[in-house]
Amino acid sequence: MQTRAVQGMLDFDYVCSRDEPSVAAMVYPFT
């Protein structure tokens, strides 16, 4: 996996921890 993929996963985890996991799930595949 590339560094970008790892950052995307971290971003997903961070947003998922916030309030709208749905938005994170939609943004994750785009990154």
N, C-alpha and C. Protein backbone atom coordinates (compact mmCIF):
# COMPACT_ATOMS: atom_id res chain seq x y z
N MET A 1 0.85 -1.21 0.00
CA MET A 1 0.00 0.00 0.00
C MET A 1 0.88 1.25 0.00
N GLN A 2 0.40 2.27 -0.64
CA GLN A 2 1.17 3.51 -0.70
C GLN A 2 0.90 4.37 0.53
N THR A 3 1.73 5.39 0.70
CA THR A 3 1.55 6.27 1.86
C THR A 3 0.19 6.96 1.78
N ARG A 4 -0.24 7.24 0.55
CA ARG A 4 -1.52 7.94 0.39
C ARG A 4 -2.65 7.04 0.88
N ALA A 5 -2.54 5.77 0.61
CA ALA A 5 -3.58 4.83 1.04
C ALA A 5 -3.65 4.81 2.57
N VAL A 6 -2.48 4.83 3.20
CA VAL A 6 -2.44 4.83 4.67
C VAL A 6 -3.07 6.11 5.21
N GLN A 7 -2.74 7.23 4.59
CA GLN A 7 -3.30 8.51 5.05
C GLN A 7 -4.81 8.50 4.88
N GLY A 8 -5.27 7.91 3.79
CA GLY A 8 -6.71 7.84 3.54
C GLY A 8 -7.39 7.02 4.63
N MET A 9 -6.73 5.93 5.03
CA MET A 9 -7.31 5.08 6.09
C MET A 9 -7.36 5.86 7.40
N LEU A 10 -6.30 6.59 7.69
CA LEU A 10 -6.27 7.37 8.93
C LEU A 10 -7.36 8.44 8.89
N ASP A 11 -7.49 9.08 7.75
CA ASP A 11 -8.53 10.11 7.59
C ASP A 11 -9.91 9.49 7.81
N PHE A 12 -10.10 8.30 7.23
CA PHE A 12 -11.39 7.62 7.36
C PHE A 12 -11.67 7.32 8.84
N ASP A 13 -10.65 6.81 9.53
CA ASP A 13 -10.80 6.48 10.95
C ASP A 13 -11.12 7.75 11.75
N TYR A 14 -10.44 8.84 11.42
CA TYR A 14 -10.65 10.10 12.15
C TYR A 14 -12.06 10.63 11.94
N VAL A 15 -12.49 10.64 10.70
CA VAL A 15 -13.84 11.14 10.41
C VAL A 15 -14.87 10.19 10.99
N CYS A 16 -14.59 8.90 10.90
CA CYS A 16 -15.54 7.89 11.42
C CYS A 16 -15.72 8.11 12.92
N SER A 17 -14.66 8.54 13.56
CA SER A 17 -14.70 8.78 15.01
C SER A 17 -15.48 10.06 15.32
N ARG A 18 -15.70 10.87 14.33
CA ARG A 18 -16.37 12.16 14.55
C ARG A 18 -17.87 11.98 14.60
N ASP A 19 -18.61 12.26 13.56
CA ASP A 19 -20.05 12.09 13.65
C ASP A 19 -20.68 11.41 12.47
N GLU A 20 -20.25 11.72 11.23
CA GLU A 20 -20.92 11.10 10.08
C GLU A 20 -20.05 10.11 9.35
N PRO A 21 -20.12 8.87 9.74
CA PRO A 21 -19.32 7.82 9.07
C PRO A 21 -19.76 7.67 7.61
N SER A 22 -21.00 8.04 7.33
CA SER A 22 -21.50 7.92 5.95
C SER A 22 -20.68 8.82 5.03
N VAL A 23 -20.41 10.04 5.49
CA VAL A 23 -19.62 10.97 4.68
C VAL A 23 -18.21 10.41 4.51
N ALA A 24 -17.64 9.87 5.56
CA ALA A 24 -16.29 9.31 5.49
C ALA A 24 -16.26 8.14 4.51
N ALA A 25 -17.29 7.31 4.56
CA ALA A 25 -17.35 6.16 3.66
C ALA A 25 -17.43 6.63 2.21
N MET A 26 -18.07 7.80 2.00
CA MET A 26 -18.18 8.32 0.64
C MET A 26 -16.87 8.99 0.20
N VAL A 27 -16.18 9.62 1.16
CA VAL A 27 -14.94 10.32 0.82
C VAL A 27 -13.77 9.35 0.70
N TYR A 28 -13.79 8.29 1.48
CA TYR A 28 -12.68 7.33 1.47
C TYR A 28 -12.38 6.76 0.09
N PRO A 29 -13.38 6.22 -0.62
CA PRO A 29 -13.11 5.66 -1.95
C PRO A 29 -12.62 6.71 -2.95
N PHE A 30 -12.99 7.96 -2.74
CA PHE A 30 -12.55 9.01 -3.67
C PHE A 30 -11.08 9.30 -3.50
N THR A 31 -10.56 9.13 -2.29
CA THR A 31 -9.14 9.36 -2.04
C THR A 31 -8.44 8.07 -2.30
